[in-house]
Amino acid sequence: MWVNSQNKLDPQTLPAETEVALERAAESAHRHEDLFSVRAANIKQSAVRDVFDISIRPGLVSLAGGSPYLRSLPLEALGMTAQQIIAERGLEALQYGGGQGMELLREQICEVMAAEGITDADAADIVVTTGSQSAQDVAAKIFCNPGDVILCEDPTYVGALNTFEAYQVDVQAVPMDDGGLIPEELELRIAELEAAGRNIKLLYTIPSFNNPSGITMEAARRQRVVDICREHNILVLEDNPYGLLRFDGHPLAPMRADNPDDVIYLGSFSKIFAPGVRLGWALVPRHLHRRFYLACEAVVLCPSPLTQMLVSAYLSDYDWQGHLQSTRALYKERCDTMLAALAECLPNGVHWTKPDGGFFVWLTLPEGVDTYPLLYQAIDAGVVFIPGAAFTPSDNPSNKLRLAFSAVSGEDIVEGITRLAPILRAAMDELTT
């Protein structure tokens, strides 16, 4: 054996050639450390990815991953569709494509957005992206210099935080309540930053079923938020992967619907079809479109023609809206199961959101409880969640945590909450004693 009791390499028992190789690697790592850019220090491992790797262990109930339910997809038929695409259009599907994305798919994306309330979109203003996160990356790249400010909701998507921080952007959080981002708090935060001479470029928002909180910005607030940003020349970056997953099937109109010049709208097929196709899109104001498109092209050259054709075929040849209707019903059932289990199992003093769509429930424990160390206790008990500290730019401990219900059976949801409850109760008891 070449490891010690802590499962670390033991140099005293390594073969000579292995020891030499390790020494050479360590020397190279030391030399190359000086080659990293300043920006590289801001690129961090996502806490969600860390927990995702843990959550695939056998026997664990994962309430961590925000994954869609895929078992109801017509997989066999989709396999035949993919086979047909390659057999009949393989020279196109397997070749380079246009950097903006295929025109047919962009026209279909306009139809998808129309189902949500954006009825004036032009396919010429759409850029197909490698998931919506690449569009977040491009937005930070082309609009922000080091030290510029991006405003976001508190809490917000961890992937966006990691992306923005990699560009040395100062991410400043704005409080939310049960009605979403608070316009008065947004105005106050902008005033404070402008008084300090700061340069605010973007407001990043997930207005429908926020990840991680599940909260939806009230319809009455949406236009007010855009108006505030317009007054201060701040672009709104609206990330809306969950908008069509409102349980009652009646999504709120996106902020982009009535604001074509002041909102960059990001959509994704990850939640309404399948994340494995790695396709999203950005609907960009026409006066900003060229630079946005060129920046996308500089990174990926072109989105995959093969997956674009598969998504296009799914939208044209399958009942994608009927599939959405059935998955919305499934997600509602699972959300209701989670909310009932929380009410039955958790002690007084724990509060949680009650989403009407999306994938997530957000728990708040009493002040003074840090949920990050509780994760390791939960893993030992056979359940996984995401600590709240992952979803805020603050470095302070968090008394919050995210639970996901979308990809977990009702039975596993109940079992997971049953395993989690004693850990939360013990942490609260320790706080009081």
Protein backbone atom coordinates (compact mmCIF):
# COMPACT_ATOMS: atom_id res chain seq x y z
CA MET A 1 0.00 0.00 0.00
CA TRP A 2 1.18 3.51 -0.82
CA VAL A 3 -1.27 5.37 1.40
CA ASN A 4 -1.36 6.07 5.11
CA SER A 5 -4.34 5.83 7.44
CA GLN A 6 -5.61 9.26 6.27
CA ASN A 7 -5.76 7.99 2.66
CA LYS A 8 -2.85 10.24 1.66
CA LEU A 9 0.23 9.27 -0.29
CA ASP A 10 3.00 8.15 2.07
CA PRO A 11 6.42 9.09 0.57
CA GLN A 12 8.19 6.53 2.74
CA THR A 13 6.43 3.67 0.94
CA LEU A 14 6.40 5.01 -2.63
CA PRO A 15 8.45 3.33 -5.37
CA ALA A 16 11.48 5.41 -6.31
CA GLU A 17 10.18 6.29 -9.79
CA THR A 18 6.85 7.48 -8.38
CA GLU A 19 8.60 9.63 -5.78
CA VAL A 20 10.72 11.23 -8.51
CA ALA A 21 7.59 11.92 -10.62
CA LEU A 22 5.85 13.58 -7.67
CA GLU A 23 8.87 15.76 -6.94
CA ARG A 24 9.06 16.81 -10.59
CA ALA A 25 5.34 17.67 -10.64
CA ALA A 26 5.69 19.71 -7.44
CA GLU A 27 8.63 21.62 -8.88
CA SER A 28 6.73 22.37 -12.11
CA ALA A 29 3.65 23.49 -10.16
CA HIS A 30 5.80 25.89 -8.15
CA ARG A 31 7.39 27.38 -11.30
CA HIS A 32 4.11 27.72 -13.17
CA GLU A 33 2.28 29.33 -10.25
CA ASP A 34 3.78 32.67 -11.33
CA LEU A 35 2.17 32.33 -14.76
CA PHE A 36 -1.40 32.54 -13.50
CA SER A 37 -3.25 35.78 -14.18
CA VAL A 38 -4.66 37.83 -11.34
CA ARG A 39 -8.09 36.83 -12.66
CA ALA A 40 -7.33 33.14 -12.15
CA ALA A 41 -7.35 33.60 -8.38
CA ASN A 42 -11.03 34.50 -8.61
CA ILE A 43 -12.01 31.27 -10.37
CA LYS A 44 -13.46 29.01 -7.71
CA GLN A 45 -14.80 25.51 -7.50
CA SER A 46 -18.58 25.59 -7.29
CA ALA A 47 -19.98 24.35 -3.99
CA VAL A 48 -22.87 22.88 -5.96
CA ARG A 49 -20.50 20.79 -8.08
CA ASP A 50 -18.69 19.61 -4.94
CA VAL A 51 -21.94 18.42 -3.42
CA PHE A 52 -23.08 16.94 -6.75
CA ASP A 53 -20.01 14.70 -6.79
CA ILE A 54 -20.83 13.56 -3.25
CA SER A 55 -24.54 13.07 -3.92
CA ILE A 56 -24.05 10.23 -6.40
CA ARG A 57 -22.84 7.92 -3.62
CA PRO A 58 -25.12 4.90 -3.19
CA GLY A 59 -27.60 5.20 -0.33
CA LEU A 60 -27.62 8.98 -0.12
CA VAL A 61 -30.85 10.89 -0.65
CA SER A 62 -29.86 13.96 -2.63
CA LEU A 63 -32.00 17.03 -2.08
CA ALA A 64 -29.15 19.07 -3.54
CA GLY A 65 -29.16 18.98 -7.32
CA GLY A 66 -31.48 21.20 -9.33
CA SER A 67 -31.90 18.64 -12.10
CA PRO A 68 -34.98 18.21 -14.30
CA TYR A 69 -36.93 14.96 -14.39
CA LEU A 70 -35.98 13.23 -17.64
CA ARG A 71 -37.60 9.80 -17.37
CA SER A 72 -40.81 11.02 -18.98
CA LEU A 73 -39.01 12.06 -22.17
CA PRO A 74 -39.63 9.81 -25.20
CA LEU A 75 -36.02 8.61 -25.12
CA GLU A 76 -36.35 5.81 -27.65
CA ALA A 77 -38.01 8.08 -30.20
CA LEU A 78 -35.44 10.82 -29.56
CA GLY A 79 -32.70 8.25 -30.16
CA MET A 80 -34.22 7.44 -33.53
CA THR A 81 -34.48 11.16 -34.30
CA ALA A 82 -30.79 11.64 -33.51
CA GLN A 83 -29.93 8.64 -35.68
CA GLN A 84 -31.99 10.06 -38.53
CA ILE A 85 -30.33 13.47 -38.23
CA ILE A 86 -26.87 11.94 -38.55
CA ALA A 87 -27.88 9.53 -41.31
CA GLU A 88 -29.67 12.10 -43.45
CA ARG A 89 -27.95 15.38 -42.51
CA GLY A 90 -24.70 14.20 -41.02
CA LEU A 91 -22.46 16.35 -43.19
CA GLU A 92 -24.22 19.42 -41.80
CA ALA A 93 -24.81 18.14 -38.27
CA LEU A 94 -21.19 17.13 -37.72
CA GLN A 95 -19.62 20.14 -39.43
CA TYR A 96 -18.92 23.66 -38.15
CA GLY A 97 -21.98 25.89 -38.04
CA GLY A 98 -22.80 29.57 -37.84
CA GLY A 99 -21.74 31.39 -34.69
CA GLN A 100 -25.18 32.89 -34.04
CA GLY A 101 -26.99 29.58 -34.21
CA MET A 102 -29.26 28.04 -36.83
CA GLU A 103 -31.98 30.32 -38.17
CA LEU A 104 -34.73 27.72 -37.82
CA LEU A 105 -33.92 27.12 -34.17
CA ARG A 106 -33.80 30.86 -33.47
CA GLU A 107 -37.25 31.20 -35.03
CA GLN A 108 -38.50 28.36 -32.83
CA ILE A 109 -36.98 30.05 -29.78
CA CYS A 110 -39.15 33.06 -30.59
CA GLU A 111 -42.17 30.73 -30.35
CA VAL A 112 -40.97 29.39 -27.00
CA MET A 113 -40.63 32.92 -25.64
CA ALA A 114 -44.05 33.86 -27.02
CA ALA A 115 -45.55 31.13 -24.81
CA GLU A 116 -44.24 33.15 -21.89
CA GLY A 117 -45.24 36.61 -23.03
CA ILE A 118 -42.40 37.91 -25.23
CA THR A 119 -44.27 38.38 -28.49
CA ASP A 120 -42.04 40.86 -30.35
CA ALA A 121 -38.78 38.90 -30.48
CA ASP A 122 -36.89 38.80 -33.77
CA ALA A 123 -34.77 35.75 -34.58
CA ALA A 124 -32.07 38.12 -35.82
CA ASP A 125 -31.58 39.39 -32.25
CA ILE A 126 -31.06 35.92 -30.75
CA VAL A 127 -27.70 34.30 -30.10
CA VAL A 128 -27.75 30.55 -29.39
CA THR A 129 -25.37 29.82 -26.53
CA THR A 130 -23.83 26.82 -24.80
CA GLY A 131 -26.33 26.94 -21.96
CA SER A 132 -27.36 30.24 -20.42
CA GLN A 133 -24.28 30.33 -18.18
CA SER A 134 -22.04 31.04 -21.17
CA ALA A 135 -24.26 34.05 -21.87
CA GLN A 136 -23.66 35.27 -18.30
CA ASP A 137 -19.95 34.93 -18.95
CA VAL A 138 -20.16 36.93 -22.17
CA ALA A 139 -22.22 39.67 -20.52
CA ALA A 140 -19.62 40.11 -17.77
CA LYS A 141 -16.82 40.06 -20.33
CA ILE A 142 -18.17 42.72 -22.68
CA PHE A 143 -19.71 45.10 -20.15
CA CYS A 144 -17.52 44.95 -17.05
CA ASN A 145 -14.04 46.15 -16.26
CA PRO A 146 -12.27 44.95 -13.10
CA GLY A 147 -13.86 46.73 -10.14
CA ASP A 148 -17.18 47.45 -11.85
CA VAL A 149 -20.33 46.49 -9.97
CA ILE A 150 -22.96 43.91 -10.83
CA LEU A 151 -26.05 43.99 -8.63
CA CYS A 152 -27.86 40.75 -7.86
CA GLU A 153 -30.58 39.35 -5.67
CA ASP A 154 -29.66 37.92 -2.30
CA PRO A 155 -29.62 34.93 -2.64
CA THR A 156 -28.70 34.22 -6.24
CA TYR A 157 -27.37 31.53 -8.56
CA VAL A 158 -23.93 30.29 -7.51
CA GLY A 159 -22.81 29.77 -11.12
CA ALA A 160 -23.41 33.43 -11.91
CA LEU A 161 -21.47 34.49 -8.81
CA ASN A 162 -18.50 32.36 -9.87
CA THR A 163 -18.66 33.73 -13.41
CA PHE A 164 -18.82 37.38 -12.37
CA GLU A 165 -16.09 37.07 -9.76
CA ALA A 166 -13.79 35.48 -12.34
CA TYR A 167 -13.89 38.80 -14.21
CA GLN A 168 -12.90 40.68 -11.04
CA VAL A 169 -16.34 42.22 -10.77
CA ASP A 170 -17.66 43.48 -7.44
CA VAL A 171 -20.97 41.66 -6.93
CA GLN A 172 -23.28 43.58 -4.62
CA ALA A 173 -26.39 41.93 -3.22
CA VAL A 174 -29.84 43.53 -2.91
CA PRO A 175 -32.33 42.09 -0.39
CA MET A 176 -35.43 40.13 -1.34
CA ASP A 177 -38.64 39.34 0.47
CA ASP A 178 -41.48 36.97 -0.41
CA GLY A 179 -42.33 39.23 -3.36
CA GLY A 180 -38.85 39.11 -4.85
CA LEU A 181 -36.31 41.87 -5.26
CA ILE A 182 -37.35 44.92 -3.22
CA PRO A 183 -37.38 48.04 -5.44
CA GLU A 184 -36.81 50.42 -2.52
CA GLU A 185 -33.75 48.45 -1.45
CA LEU A 186 -32.50 48.52 -5.04
CA GLU A 187 -32.79 52.30 -5.14
CA LEU A 188 -31.01 52.61 -1.80
CA ARG A 189 -28.16 50.32 -2.87
CA ILE A 190 -27.68 52.18 -6.15
CA ALA A 191 -27.61 55.53 -4.33
CA GLU A 192 -24.99 54.27 -1.88
CA LEU A 193 -22.77 52.90 -4.62
CA GLU A 194 -23.07 55.98 -6.83
CA ALA A 195 -22.27 58.21 -3.86
CA ALA A 196 -19.09 56.19 -3.40
CA GLY A 197 -18.18 56.75 -7.05
CA ARG A 198 -18.78 53.16 -8.11
CA ASN A 199 -19.60 52.16 -11.69
CA ILE A 200 -22.68 49.90 -11.82
CA LYS A 201 -23.10 48.03 -15.10
CA LEU A 202 -25.67 45.25 -14.66
CA LEU A 203 -28.49 43.96 -12.51
CA TYR A 204 -28.55 40.17 -12.66
CA THR A 205 -31.93 38.76 -11.70
CA ILE A 206 -33.77 35.42 -11.77
CA PRO A 207 -37.28 36.85 -11.42
CA SER A 208 -39.24 33.59 -11.73
CA PHE A 209 -38.58 30.86 -9.15
CA ASN A 210 -35.22 32.24 -8.12
CA ASN A 211 -32.40 29.76 -7.71
CA PRO A 212 -31.96 29.03 -4.81
CA SER A 213 -34.96 30.53 -3.01
CA GLY A 214 -37.85 29.57 -5.30
CA ILE A 215 -39.22 33.11 -4.86
CA THR A 216 -40.91 34.86 -7.79
CA MET A 217 -40.72 38.62 -8.28
CA GLU A 218 -44.22 40.04 -8.17
CA ALA A 219 -45.62 41.26 -11.48
CA ALA A 220 -46.09 44.76 -10.07
CA ARG A 221 -42.41 45.01 -9.13
CA ARG A 222 -40.95 43.91 -12.44
CA GLN A 223 -41.51 47.09 -14.40
CA ARG A 224 -40.50 49.23 -11.43
CA VAL A 225 -37.17 47.43 -11.21
CA VAL A 226 -36.52 47.96 -14.92
CA ASP A 227 -37.48 51.64 -14.62
CA ILE A 228 -35.06 52.14 -11.72
CA CYS A 229 -32.25 50.55 -13.68
CA ARG A 230 -33.06 52.59 -16.79
CA GLU A 231 -32.89 55.80 -14.76
CA HIS A 232 -29.35 54.91 -13.71
CA ASN A 233 -28.21 53.44 -17.06
CA ILE A 234 -27.94 49.91 -15.69
CA LEU A 235 -28.70 46.99 -17.98
CA VAL A 236 -30.97 44.23 -16.68
CA LEU A 237 -29.66 40.70 -17.23
CA GLU A 238 -32.81 38.59 -16.88
CA ASP A 239 -32.07 34.88 -16.39
CA ASN A 240 -35.27 32.91 -16.85
CA PRO A 241 -34.69 29.14 -17.13
CA TYR A 242 -37.69 28.27 -14.93
CA GLY A 243 -40.34 30.70 -16.21
CA LEU A 244 -42.39 28.09 -18.07
CA LEU A 245 -42.40 25.82 -15.01
CA ARG A 246 -45.07 27.72 -13.12
CA PHE A 247 -47.29 25.04 -11.62
CA ASP A 248 -50.57 26.55 -12.81
CA GLY A 249 -49.30 26.85 -16.39
CA HIS A 250 -49.70 30.65 -16.48
CA PRO A 251 -46.21 32.20 -16.36
CA LEU A 252 -45.71 35.83 -15.42
CA ALA A 253 -44.59 38.01 -18.30
CA PRO A 254 -40.80 38.38 -18.31
CA MET A 255 -39.24 41.76 -17.64
CA ARG A 256 -38.05 41.76 -21.25
CA ALA A 257 -41.64 41.63 -22.59
CA ASP A 258 -42.18 45.40 -22.46
CA ASN A 259 -38.55 46.50 -22.34
CA PRO A 260 -36.75 45.45 -25.53
CA ASP A 261 -33.98 48.05 -25.23
CA ASP A 262 -33.06 47.69 -21.57
CA VAL A 263 -33.12 43.95 -20.85
CA ILE A 264 -30.88 41.13 -22.06
CA TYR A 265 -33.01 37.99 -21.74
CA LEU A 266 -31.39 34.60 -21.11
CA GLY A 267 -33.25 31.35 -21.74
CA SER A 268 -32.26 27.70 -21.56
CA PHE A 269 -33.36 24.29 -22.79
CA SER A 270 -31.80 22.69 -19.71
CA LYS A 271 -35.01 22.86 -17.66
CA ILE A 272 -37.69 22.63 -20.36
CA PHE A 273 -35.99 19.83 -22.35
CA ALA A 274 -32.65 18.39 -21.23
CA PRO A 275 -29.44 19.88 -19.78
CA GLY A 276 -27.29 17.44 -21.71
CA VAL A 277 -27.92 19.27 -24.98
CA ARG A 278 -26.11 22.29 -23.47
CA LEU A 279 -28.10 24.87 -25.37
CA GLY A 280 -29.50 28.19 -24.26
CA TRP A 281 -30.01 31.57 -25.84
CA ALA A 282 -29.71 35.30 -25.34
CA LEU A 283 -32.25 37.76 -26.73
CA VAL A 284 -30.13 40.89 -27.00
CA PRO A 285 -31.22 44.49 -27.69
CA ARG A 286 -30.40 45.19 -31.31
CA HIS A 287 -27.95 48.00 -30.54
CA LEU A 288 -25.92 45.60 -28.36
CA HIS A 289 -26.30 42.47 -30.45
CA ARG A 290 -23.19 42.57 -32.65
CA ARG A 291 -20.63 42.80 -29.85
CA PHE A 292 -22.47 40.21 -27.80
CA TYR A 293 -22.60 37.80 -30.73
CA LEU A 294 -18.92 38.32 -31.61
CA ALA A 295 -17.89 37.67 -28.00
CA CYS A 296 -19.89 34.42 -28.00
CA GLU A 297 -18.30 33.36 -31.27
CA ALA A 298 -14.83 34.10 -29.92
CA VAL A 299 -15.36 31.58 -27.11
CA VAL A 300 -17.18 28.62 -28.70
CA LEU A 301 -16.85 29.45 -32.42
CA CYS A 302 -20.30 27.94 -32.92
CA PRO A 303 -22.92 26.08 -30.88
CA SER A 304 -23.14 22.40 -31.77
CA PRO A 305 -25.10 21.91 -35.01
CA LEU A 306 -25.97 18.34 -33.95
CA THR A 307 -27.63 19.35 -30.67
CA GLN A 308 -29.29 22.33 -32.32
CA MET A 309 -30.87 19.99 -34.87
CA LEU A 310 -31.99 17.62 -32.13
CA VAL A 311 -33.60 20.46 -30.14
CA SER A 312 -35.19 21.85 -33.29
CA ALA A 313 -36.65 18.43 -34.09
CA TYR A 314 -37.94 18.13 -30.52
CA LEU A 315 -39.73 21.48 -30.83
CA SER A 316 -41.23 20.70 -34.25
CA ASP A 317 -41.95 16.96 -34.10
CA TYR A 318 -42.85 16.33 -30.45
CA ASP A 319 -45.49 17.67 -28.10
CA TRP A 320 -43.05 19.70 -26.03
CA GLN A 321 -45.78 21.81 -24.46
CA GLY A 322 -47.70 18.68 -23.46
CA HIS A 323 -44.53 17.30 -21.89
CA LEU A 324 -44.07 20.57 -19.99
CA GLN A 325 -47.62 20.33 -18.72
CA SER A 326 -47.04 16.85 -17.32
CA THR A 327 -43.70 17.73 -15.74
CA ARG A 328 -45.20 20.83 -14.14
CA ALA A 329 -47.81 18.61 -12.52
CA LEU A 330 -45.08 16.24 -11.33
CA TYR A 331 -43.00 19.09 -9.90
CA LYS A 332 -46.05 20.49 -8.09
CA GLU A 333 -46.75 17.09 -6.55
CA ARG A 334 -43.17 16.77 -5.38
CA CYS A 335 -43.08 20.33 -4.06
CA ASP A 336 -46.28 19.70 -2.09
CA THR A 337 -44.74 16.50 -0.70
CA MET A 338 -41.65 18.39 0.42
CA LEU A 339 -43.63 21.21 2.03
CA ALA A 340 -45.80 18.68 3.91
CA ALA A 341 -42.73 16.77 5.12
CA LEU A 342 -41.08 19.98 6.30
CA ALA A 343 -44.22 20.96 8.22
CA GLU A 344 -44.41 17.54 9.85
CA CYS A 345 -40.74 16.96 10.67
CA LEU A 346 -38.98 20.26 11.29
CA PRO A 347 -38.96 22.04 14.64
CA ASN A 348 -40.48 25.43 15.34
CA GLY A 349 -38.13 28.22 14.41
CA VAL A 350 -37.33 26.92 10.91
CA HIS A 351 -39.01 28.80 8.07
CA TRP A 352 -39.19 28.00 4.37
CA THR A 353 -40.44 29.42 1.11
CA LYS A 354 -43.53 28.07 -0.64
CA PRO A 355 -42.78 28.28 -4.37
CA ASP A 356 -45.44 28.13 -7.07
CA GLY A 357 -43.04 26.77 -9.67
CA GLY A 358 -39.43 25.86 -10.36
CA PHE A 359 -37.26 23.38 -8.47
CA PHE A 360 -36.33 24.75 -5.03
CA VAL A 361 -37.36 25.38 -1.44
CA TRP A 362 -35.24 27.72 0.73
CA LEU A 363 -34.93 27.08 4.46
CA THR A 364 -34.03 29.70 7.06
CA LEU A 365 -32.83 28.59 10.50
CA PRO A 366 -32.45 30.84 13.55
CA GLU A 367 -29.65 33.40 13.50
CA GLY A 368 -26.40 31.89 14.74
CA VAL A 369 -26.82 28.49 13.06
CA ASP A 370 -24.21 27.92 10.34
CA THR A 371 -25.56 25.39 7.85
CA TYR A 372 -22.22 24.65 6.20
CA PRO A 373 -20.84 22.31 8.89
CA LEU A 374 -24.28 20.70 9.10
CA LEU A 375 -23.74 19.41 5.55
CA TYR A 376 -21.13 16.91 6.76
CA GLN A 377 -23.44 15.69 9.50
CA ALA A 378 -26.20 15.32 6.93
CA ILE A 379 -23.96 13.28 4.63
CA ASP A 380 -23.21 10.94 7.53
CA ALA A 381 -26.97 10.64 8.06
CA GLY A 382 -27.54 9.86 4.38
CA VAL A 383 -28.96 13.10 2.98
CA VAL A 384 -27.44 15.99 1.01
CA PHE A 385 -28.41 19.67 0.66
CA ILE A 386 -26.64 22.86 -0.48
CA PRO A 387 -25.57 25.30 2.29
CA GLY A 388 -26.83 28.84 1.88
CA ALA A 389 -23.34 30.39 1.89
CA ALA A 390 -22.89 29.18 -1.71
CA PHE A 391 -25.57 31.59 -2.98
CA THR A 392 -24.37 34.97 -1.74
CA PRO A 393 -21.32 37.14 -2.43
CA SER A 394 -20.89 37.58 1.33
CA ASP A 395 -18.17 35.58 3.10
CA ASN A 396 -20.20 35.41 6.30
CA PRO A 397 -21.71 32.16 7.62
CA SER A 398 -25.26 31.50 6.49
CA ASN A 399 -28.23 30.17 8.44
CA LYS A 400 -29.97 29.11 5.22
CA LEU A 401 -29.94 26.08 2.94
CA ARG A 402 -31.42 24.96 -0.38
CA LEU A 403 -33.47 21.84 -0.99
CA ALA A 404 -34.40 20.62 -4.49
CA PHE A 405 -37.48 18.51 -5.17
CA SER A 406 -37.44 18.26 -8.97
CA ALA A 407 -35.53 15.01 -9.55
CA VAL A 408 -36.42 13.14 -6.33
CA SER A 409 -39.33 10.75 -5.82
CA GLY A 410 -41.93 11.55 -3.19
CA GLU A 411 -40.73 8.64 -1.06
CA ASP A 412 -37.13 9.85 -1.15
CA ILE A 413 -38.21 13.41 -0.37
CA VAL A 414 -39.94 12.25 2.80
CA GLU A 415 -37.00 10.02 3.74
CA GLY A 416 -34.51 12.83 3.11
CA ILE A 417 -36.43 15.31 5.28
CA THR A 418 -36.76 12.65 7.98
CA ARG A 419 -32.98 12.20 7.99
CA LEU A 420 -32.31 15.93 7.93
CA ALA A 421 -34.71 17.00 10.68
CA PRO A 422 -32.73 15.66 13.70
CA ILE A 423 -29.60 17.44 12.48
CA LEU A 424 -31.35 20.80 12.25
CA ARG A 425 -33.05 20.24 15.60
CA ALA A 426 -29.73 19.41 17.29
CA ALA A 427 -28.08 22.51 15.84
CA MET A 428 -30.90 24.69 17.14
CA ASP A 429 -30.78 23.01 20.58
CA GLU A 430 -27.03 23.61 20.75
CA LEU A 431 -27.58 27.27 19.92
CA THR A 432 -30.02 27.74 22.79
CA THR A 433 -27.92 25.89 25.37
